[in-house]
C-alpha atoms as a PDB file:
ATOM      1  CA  MET A   1      -4.235 -24.235   5.587  1.00  0.00           C
ATOM      2  CA  ILE A   2      -5.307 -26.031   8.720  1.00  0.00           C
ATOM      3  CA  ARG A   3      -2.777 -27.044  11.054  1.00  0.00           C
ATOM      4  CA  PRO A   4      -2.862 -29.621  13.811  1.00  0.00           C
ATOM      5  CA  THR A   5      -1.743 -28.731  17.458  1.00  0.00           C
ATOM      6  CA  ARG A   6       0.348 -30.907  19.699  1.00  0.00           C
ATOM      7  CA  ALA A   7      -3.072 -32.551  21.326  1.00  0.00           C
ATOM      8  CA  THR A   8      -4.069 -33.651  17.960  1.00  0.00           C
ATOM      9  CA  GLY A   9      -0.701 -35.266  17.173  1.00  0.00           C
ATOM     10  CA  GLY A  10      -1.011 -37.072  20.452  1.00  0.00           C
ATOM     11  CA  ILE A  11      -4.336 -38.246  19.767  1.00  0.00           C
ATOM     12  CA  ALA A  12      -3.046 -39.717  16.253  1.00  0.00           C
ATOM     13  CA  ALA A  13       0.099 -41.337  17.783  1.00  0.00           C
ATOM     14  CA  LEU A  14      -2.237 -42.974  20.376  1.00  0.00           C
ATOM     15  CA  ALA A  15      -4.758 -44.310  17.671  1.00  0.00           C
ATOM     16  CA  LEU A  16      -1.648 -45.487  15.804  1.00  0.00           C
ATOM     17  CA  ALA A  17      -0.555 -47.501  18.802  1.00  0.00           C
ATOM     18  CA  LEU A  18      -4.222 -48.737  19.395  1.00  0.00           C
ATOM     19  CA  ALA A  19      -4.139 -50.041  15.752  1.00  0.00           C
ATOM     20  CA  VAL A  20      -0.988 -51.837  16.276  1.00  0.00           C
ATOM     21  CA  THR A  21      -2.178 -53.466  19.313  1.00  0.00           C
ATOM     22  CA  ALA A  22      -5.549 -54.803  17.962  1.00  0.00           C
ATOM     23  CA  LEU A  23      -3.314 -56.238  15.439  1.00  0.00           C
ATOM     24  CA  LEU A  24      -1.256 -57.927  17.467  1.00  0.00           C
ATOM     25  CA  LEU A  25      -3.338 -59.034  20.256  1.00  0.00           C
ATOM     26  CA  ALA A  26      -6.640 -59.285  18.116  1.00  0.00           C
ATOM     27  CA  SER A  27      -8.459 -57.113  20.746  1.00  0.00           C
ATOM     28  CA  PRO A  28     -11.848 -55.645  19.639  1.00  0.00           C
ATOM     29  CA  ALA A  29     -11.717 -52.905  22.021  1.00  0.00           C
ATOM     30  CA  ALA A  30      -8.398 -51.513  20.962  1.00  0.00           C
ATOM     31  CA  ALA A  31      -9.777 -51.568  17.467  1.00  0.00           C
ATOM     32  CA  LEU A  32     -12.891 -49.639  18.172  1.00  0.00           C
ATOM     33  CA  ALA A  33     -10.834 -47.122  20.036  1.00  0.00           C
ATOM     34  CA  ALA A  34      -8.377 -46.996  17.128  1.00  0.00           C
ATOM     35  CA  GLY A  35     -11.046 -46.201  14.785  1.00  0.00           C
ATOM     36  CA  SER A  36     -13.052 -43.920  16.903  1.00  0.00           C
ATOM     37  CA  LEU A  37     -10.093 -41.650  17.473  1.00  0.00           C
ATOM     38  CA  PRO A  38      -9.507 -40.448  13.954  1.00  0.00           C
ATOM     39  CA  LEU A  39     -13.183 -39.821  13.345  1.00  0.00           C
ATOM     40  CA  PHE A  40     -13.182 -37.619  16.589  1.00  0.00           C
ATOM     41  CA  LEU A  41     -10.278 -35.672  15.039  1.00  0.00           C
ATOM     42  CA  LEU A  42     -12.277 -35.373  11.646  1.00  0.00           C
ATOM     43  CA  TRP A  43     -15.138 -33.982  13.707  1.00  0.00           C
ATOM     44  CA  ARG A  44     -13.160 -31.561  15.514  1.00  0.00           C
ATOM     45  CA  GLY A  45     -11.374 -30.389  12.173  1.00  0.00           C
ATOM     46  CA  TRP A  46     -14.909 -29.696  10.436  1.00  0.00           C
ATOM     47  CA  ARG A  47     -16.108 -27.795  13.491  1.00  0.00           C
ATOM     48  CA  PHE A  48     -13.148 -25.567  13.721  1.00  0.00           C
ATOM     49  CA  GLU A  49     -13.659 -24.894   9.758  1.00  0.00           C
ATOM     50  CA  ARG A  50     -17.469 -24.067  10.601  1.00  0.00           C
ATOM     51  CA  ASP A  51     -16.414 -21.927  13.538  1.00  0.00           C
ATOM     52  CA  LEU A  52     -13.685 -20.151  11.608  1.00  0.00           C
ATOM     53  CA  ALA A  53     -16.156 -19.478   8.739  1.00  0.00           C
ATOM     54  CA  ALA A  54     -18.669 -17.939  11.058  1.00  0.00           C
ATOM     55  CA  ALA A  55     -16.185 -15.732  12.577  1.00  0.00           C
ATOM     56  CA  ALA A  56     -15.007 -14.510   9.467  1.00  0.00           C
ATOM     57  CA  GLY A  57     -18.359 -13.653   8.113  1.00  0.00           C
ATOM     58  CA  SER A  58     -18.991 -11.367  11.208  1.00  0.00           C
ATOM     59  CA  LEU A  59     -15.535  -9.453  10.814  1.00  0.00           C
ATOM     60  CA  THR A  60     -15.719  -5.733  10.513  1.00  0.00           C
ATOM     61  CA  VAL A  61     -12.689  -3.485  10.027  1.00  0.00           C
ATOM     62  CA  ASN A  62     -12.041  -0.045  10.724  1.00  0.00           C
ATOM     63  CA  ARG A  63      -8.622   1.567   9.407  1.00  0.00           C
ATOM     64  CA  GLU A  64      -7.880   5.075   9.270  1.00  0.00           C
ATOM     65  CA  VAL A  65      -4.859   6.728   7.667  1.00  0.00           C
ATOM     66  CA  ASP A  66      -3.592  10.275   8.661  1.00  0.00           C
ATOM     67  CA  ARG A  67      -3.132  10.826   5.164  1.00  0.00           C
ATOM     68  CA  THR A  68      -3.905   9.385   1.745  1.00  0.00           C
ATOM     69  CA  ILE A  69      -1.980  11.321  -0.475  1.00  0.00           C
ATOM     70  CA  LEU A  70       1.860  11.377   0.258  1.00  0.00           C
ATOM     71  CA  ARG A  71       5.340  11.557  -1.131  1.00  0.00           C
ATOM     72  CA  GLN A  72       7.087   8.367  -1.724  1.00  0.00           C
ATOM     73  CA  GLY A  73       9.036   7.416   1.556  1.00  0.00           C
ATOM     74  CA  THR A  74       7.129   9.501   3.832  1.00  0.00           C
ATOM     75  CA  ALA A  75       5.793   7.978   6.935  1.00  0.00           C
ATOM     76  CA  ALA A  76       1.991   7.358   7.522  1.00  0.00           C
ATOM     77  CA  THR A  77       0.081   6.389  10.812  1.00  0.00           C
ATOM     78  CA  VAL A  78      -2.602   3.678  10.645  1.00  0.00           C
ATOM     79  CA  ARG A  79      -4.954   3.202  13.379  1.00  0.00           C
ATOM     80  CA  VAL A  80      -7.249  -0.167  12.913  1.00  0.00           C
ATOM     81  CA  ARG A  81      -9.757  -1.801  14.829  1.00  0.00           C
ATOM     82  CA  ALA A  82     -11.194  -5.257  13.749  1.00  0.00           C
ATOM     83  CA  ASP A  83     -14.545  -6.722  15.461  1.00  0.00           C
ATOM     84  CA  LEU A  84     -15.989 -10.083  14.930  1.00  0.00           C
ATOM     85  CA  ALA A  85     -17.871 -12.615  17.176  1.00  0.00           C
ATOM     86  CA  VAL A  86     -15.463 -15.440  18.438  1.00  0.00           C
ATOM     87  CA  PRO A  87     -16.954 -18.696  18.942  1.00  0.00           C
ATOM     88  CA  ALA A  88     -16.977 -20.720  22.348  1.00  0.00           C
ATOM     89  CA  GLY A  89     -13.495 -22.557  22.730  1.00  0.00           C
ATOM     90  CA  MET A  90     -11.769 -20.626  20.066  1.00  0.00           C
ATOM     91  CA  THR A  91      -8.897 -18.093  20.549  1.00  0.00           C
ATOM     92  CA  VAL A  92      -8.910 -15.280  17.736  1.00  0.00           C
ATOM     93  CA  ARG A  93      -6.282 -12.659  16.932  1.00  0.00           C
ATOM     94  CA  VAL A  94      -6.179 -10.182  14.087  1.00  0.00           C
ATOM     95  CA  ARG A  95      -3.251  -8.561  12.339  1.00  0.00           C
ATOM     96  CA  ASP A  96      -3.502  -5.788   9.662  1.00  0.00           C
ATOM     97  CA  LEU A  97      -1.902  -6.225   6.193  1.00  0.00           C
ATOM     98  CA  PRO A  98      -0.147  -3.195   4.998  1.00  0.00           C
ATOM     99  CA  PRO A  99       0.293  -2.363   1.304  1.00  0.00           C
ATOM    100  CA  ALA A 100       2.693  -4.715  -0.631  1.00  0.00           C
ATOM    101  CA  VAL A 101       5.126  -1.798  -1.386  1.00  0.00           C
ATOM    102  CA  ALA A 102       4.951  -0.486   2.199  1.00  0.00           C
ATOM    103  CA  VAL A 103       7.845  -1.070   4.831  1.00  0.00           C
ATOM    104  CA  GLY A 104       6.071  -1.687   8.269  1.00  0.00           C
ATOM    105  CA  GLU A 105       3.873  -4.541   9.799  1.00  0.00           C
ATOM    106  CA  GLY A 106       0.785  -4.498  11.683  1.00  0.00           C
ATOM    107  CA  VAL A 107       0.332  -5.213  15.492  1.00  0.00           C
ATOM    108  CA  LEU A 108      -1.524  -8.628  16.266  1.00  0.00           C
ATOM    109  CA  SER A 109      -4.300  -7.945  18.595  1.00  0.00           C
ATOM    110  CA  PRO A 110      -7.417  -9.420  19.939  1.00  0.00           C
ATOM    111  CA  PRO A 111     -10.945  -8.308  18.474  1.00  0.00           C
ATOM    112  CA  GLY A 112     -12.298  -5.015  19.675  1.00  0.00           C
ATOM    113  CA  LYS A 113      -8.846  -3.466  20.064  1.00  0.00           C
ATOM    114  CA  THR A 114      -7.485  -0.389  18.467  1.00  0.00           C
ATOM    115  CA  THR A 115      -3.901  -0.605  17.362  1.00  0.00           C
ATOM    116  CA  THR A 116      -1.577   1.802  15.774  1.00  0.00           C
ATOM    117  CA  TYR A 117       1.254   1.197  13.531  1.00  0.00           C
ATOM    118  CA  THR A 118       3.443   3.121  11.026  1.00  0.00           C
ATOM    119  CA  ILE A 119       4.193   2.295   7.396  1.00  0.00           C
ATOM    120  CA  ARG A 120       6.568   4.009   4.572  1.00  0.00           C
ATOM    121  CA  LEU A 121       5.188   3.516   1.112  1.00  0.00           C
ATOM    122  CA  MET A 122       8.526   3.243  -1.074  1.00  0.00           C
ATOM    123  CA  ALA A 123       6.859   2.844  -4.577  1.00  0.00           C
ATOM    124  CA  PRO A 124       5.088   5.503  -6.504  1.00  0.00           C
ATOM    125  CA  GLY A 125       1.686   4.738  -7.773  1.00  0.00           C
ATOM    126  CA  GLU A 126      -1.922   4.087  -6.445  1.00  0.00           C
ATOM    127  CA  THR A 127      -2.070   1.238  -3.956  1.00  0.00           C
ATOM    128  CA  SER A 128      -4.171  -0.179  -1.284  1.00  0.00           C
ATOM    129  CA  PHE A 129      -3.824  -2.306   1.759  1.00  0.00           C
ATOM    130  CA  ALA A 130      -3.598  -6.126   1.482  1.00  0.00           C
ATOM    131  CA  GLY A 131      -6.656  -6.873   4.070  1.00  0.00           C
ATOM    132  CA  VAL A 132      -6.276  -8.598   7.481  1.00  0.00           C
ATOM    133  CA  VAL A 133      -5.430 -12.041   8.498  1.00  0.00           C
ATOM    134  CA  ILE A 134      -7.177 -13.859  11.195  1.00  0.00           C
ATOM    135  CA  GLU A 135      -5.339 -16.138  13.093  1.00  0.00           C
ATOM    136  CA  ALA A 136      -7.489 -18.703  14.828  1.00  0.00           C
ATOM    137  CA  SER A 137      -6.832 -21.761  17.206  1.00  0.00           C
ATOM    138  CA  ASP A 138      -8.430 -23.955  19.582  1.00  0.00           C
ATOM    139  CA  ALA A 139      -7.300 -27.348  21.456  1.00  0.00           C
ATOM    140  CA  PHE A 140      -6.926 -29.244  18.059  1.00  0.00           C
ATOM    141  CA  PHE A 141      -6.392 -26.924  15.265  1.00  0.00           C
ATOM    142  CA  SER A 142      -4.929 -23.604  13.983  1.00  0.00           C
ATOM    143  CA  ARG A 143      -5.277 -21.544  10.787  1.00  0.00           C
ATOM    144  CA  ASP A 144      -4.281 -18.191   9.412  1.00  0.00           C
ATOM    145  CA  LEU A 145      -7.340 -17.023   7.446  1.00  0.00           C
ATOM    146  CA  VAL A 146      -6.549 -13.757   5.054  1.00  0.00           C
ATOM    147  CA  CYS A 147      -9.534 -11.511   4.020  1.00  0.00           C
ATOM    148  CA  ARG A 148      -8.466  -9.481   1.262  1.00  0.00           C
ATOM    149  CA  GLN A 149     -11.667  -7.462   0.871  1.00  0.00           C
ATOM    150  CA  PHE A 150     -10.848  -5.021   3.891  1.00  0.00           C
ATOM    151  CA  ASN A 151      -8.227  -2.980   1.706  1.00  0.00           C
ATOM    152  CA  ALA A 152      -9.775   0.583   2.261  1.00  0.00           C
ATOM    153  CA  PRO A 153      -8.708   3.274   1.989  1.00  0.00           C
ATOM    154  CA  HIS A 154      -6.762   3.522  -1.175  1.00  0.00           C
ATOM    155  CA  LEU A 155      -3.326   5.505  -1.012  1.00  0.00           C
ATOM    156  CA  ARG A 156      -1.770   7.761  -3.985  1.00  0.00           C
ATOM    157  CA  VAL A 157       2.088   7.696  -3.669  1.00  0.00           C
ATOM    158  CA  PHE A 158       4.094  10.343  -5.536  1.00  0.00           C
ATOM    159  CA  PRO A 159       7.783  10.127  -6.465  1.00  0.00           C
ATOM    160  CA  ALA A 160       9.940  12.466  -4.153  1.00  0.00           C
ATOM    161  CA  GLY A 161      10.588  15.658  -5.566  1.00  0.00           C
ATOM    162  CA  THR A 162       7.358  16.040  -7.674  1.00  0.00           C
ATOM    163  CA  THR A 163       4.322  18.205  -6.952  1.00  0.00           C
ATOM    164  CA  GLU A 164       0.747  17.107  -6.951  1.00  0.00           C
ATOM    165  CA  ALA A 165      -2.241  19.696  -7.888  1.00  0.00           C
ATOM    166  CA  GLY A 166      -4.801  17.790  -6.644  1.00  0.00           C
ATOM    167  CA  ARG A 167      -6.542  17.945  -3.266  1.00  0.00           C
ATOM    168  CA  GLY A 168      -6.817  15.095  -0.757  1.00  0.00           C
ATOM    169  CA  LYS A 169      -6.515  14.163   2.983  1.00  0.00           C
ATOM    170  CA  GLY A 170      -3.050  14.925   4.102  1.00  0.00           C
ATOM    171  CA  ALA A 171      -2.030  16.729   1.145  1.00  0.00           C
ATOM    172  CA  GLY A 172      -0.262  19.919   1.579  1.00  0.00           C
ATOM    173  CA  ARG A 173       3.107  21.884   1.451  1.00  0.00           C
ATOM    174  CA  GLY A 174       4.853  19.528   3.670  1.00  0.00           C
ATOM    175  CA  ASP A 175       3.939  16.375   1.491  1.00  0.00           C
ATOM    176  CA  ALA A 176       5.111  17.914  -1.810  1.00  0.00           C
ATOM    177  CA  GLU A 177       8.608  18.986  -2.818  1.00  0.00           C
ATOM    178  CA  VAL A 178       8.667  21.835  -5.141  1.00  0.00           C
ATOM    179  CA  ASP A 179      11.934  22.233  -6.918  1.00  0.00           C
ATOM    180  CA  ARG A 180      11.569  25.819  -8.102  1.00  0.00           C
ATOM    181  CA  ARG A 181      15.078  25.729  -9.860  1.00  0.00           C
ATOM    182  CA  ALA A 182      13.561  23.210 -12.307  1.00  0.00           C
ATOM    183  CA  SER A 183      10.705  25.509 -13.138  1.00  0.00           C
ATOM    184  CA  ARG A 184      13.002  28.390 -14.482  1.00  0.00           C
ATOM    185  CA  PRO A 185      14.230  28.427 -17.919  1.00  0.00           C
ATOM    186  CA  GLU A 186      17.695  27.517 -18.230  1.00  0.00           C
ATOM    187  CA  GLY A 187      20.097  29.804 -20.477  1.00  0.00           C
ATOM    188  CA  ARG A 188      19.929  33.292 -21.618  1.00  0.00           C
ATOM    189  CA  ALA A 189      16.656  35.119 -21.840  1.00  0.00           C
ATOM    190  CA  TYR A 190      15.556  36.828 -25.098  1.00  0.00           C
ATOM    191  CA  ARG A 191      13.584  39.835 -25.663  1.00  0.00           C
ATOM    192  CA  THR A 192      11.575  39.865 -28.826  1.00  0.00           C
ATOM    193  CA  GLY A 193      11.117  43.117 -30.982  1.00  0.00           C
ATOM    194  CA  CYS A 194      12.670  45.314 -33.532  1.00  0.00           C
ATOM    195  CA  PRO A 195      16.379  45.730 -32.590  1.00  0.00           C
ATOM    196  CA  ARG A 196      17.740  49.408 -31.956  1.00  0.00           C
ATOM    197  CA  VAL A 197      19.426  51.064 -34.738  1.00  0.00           C
ATOM    198  CA  PRO A 198      22.567  52.670 -33.659  1.00  0.00           C
ATOM    199  CA  ALA A 199      22.560  56.164 -32.880  1.00  0.00           C
ATOM    200  CA  LEU A 200      24.487  58.581 -35.096  1.00  0.00           C
ATOM    201  CA  PRO A 201      25.121  62.412 -35.026  1.00  0.00           C
ATOM    202  CA  HIS A 202      22.176  64.519 -35.982  1.00  0.00           C
ATOM    203  CA  GLY A 203      21.558  65.159 -39.790  1.00  0.00           C
ATOM    204  CA  ARG A 204      23.478  61.752 -40.736  1.00  0.00           C
ATOM    205  CA  ARG A 205      21.725  58.602 -41.833  1.00  0.00           C
ATOM    206  CA  PRO A 206      23.286  55.164 -41.070  1.00  0.00           C
ATOM    207  CA  ARG A 207      24.292  53.006 -44.270  1.00  0.00           C
ATOM    208  CA  ALA A 208      22.434  49.690 -44.966  1.00  0.00           C
ATOM    209  CA  ASP A 209      25.594  48.037 -45.444  1.00  0.00           C
ATOM    210  CA  ARG A 210      26.819  48.980 -42.023  1.00  0.00           C
ATOM    211  CA  LEU A 211      23.750  47.509 -40.263  1.00  0.00           C
ATOM    212  CA  GLU A 212      24.943  44.033 -39.891  1.00  0.00           C
ATOM    213  CA  GLY A 213      22.751  41.618 -38.209  1.00  0.00           C
ATOM    214  CA  HIS A 214      19.825  44.077 -38.004  1.00  0.00           C
ATOM    215  CA  GLY A 215      17.755  42.733 -40.779  1.00  0.00           C
ATOM    216  CA  PRO A 216      14.401  44.520 -39.655  1.00  0.00           C
ATOM    217  CA  ALA A 217      16.393  47.944 -38.963  1.00  0.00           C
ATOM    218  CA  ARG A 218      17.901  47.610 -42.708  1.00  0.00           C
ATOM    219  CA  ARG A 219      14.446  47.114 -44.103  1.00  0.00           C
ATOM    220  CA  LEU A 220      13.038  50.166 -42.077  1.00  0.00           C
ATOM    221  CA  LEU A 221      16.079  52.125 -43.393  1.00  0.00           C
ATOM    222  CA  HIS A 222      15.247  51.292 -47.294  1.00  0.00           C
ATOM    223  CA  THR A 223      11.680  52.061 -46.775  1.00  0.00           C
ATOM    224  CA  THR A 224      12.398  55.297 -45.095  1.00  0.00           C
ATOM    225  CA  ALA A 225      14.967  56.440 -47.827  1.00  0.00           C
ATOM    226  CA  GLY A 226      12.211  55.569 -50.654  1.00  0.00           C
ATOM    227  CA  ARG A 227       9.748  57.757 -49.128  1.00  0.00           C
ATOM    228  CA  ALA A 228      12.142  60.643 -48.907  1.00  0.00           C
END
């Protein structure tokens, strides 16, 4: 929303005073001045909005992030530069807007200057930047205009303690915590196959009723005895 400056407030107060004077003194000159000042402010407001729209139309943003795939809570460095045509009589500064889940704030700078700041993404998932905000002002009005279309690049954030098998800029061993203990099975290790039959002296055969818990061995003993 457009905001008036102190100069605009002073002109509005002067117009009100002239209007009161014109009513009390019946002065045509005061009445003319009191009516002209609001028209002047309306024209300046329309011109300010037109110049701001022209500046926003020429805006280009170049944003670089040192990593686009990162772990939750990891710091990322952002380099951004915004260029636009500044209208005459207007002061313009641009500030980058980090993702909504990020901790950190962009630096307010004039157009054409590269700024660097650090953010930490605190929530997992895919996210993107919130755009940039143009802070423009002239002698009579000021306004902050948010441009949401400049949201590249997109970032992928994984929860702390997980591993991402995909590839991307910044993805490496330093950005993925691998819990190797979690990948190992818990409990005892079991071996499949036929259990070993207890060893007996030469010439003696084990009795089937003594092979408790050795079902496959018991069946093997019966089969051998039948063939004999």
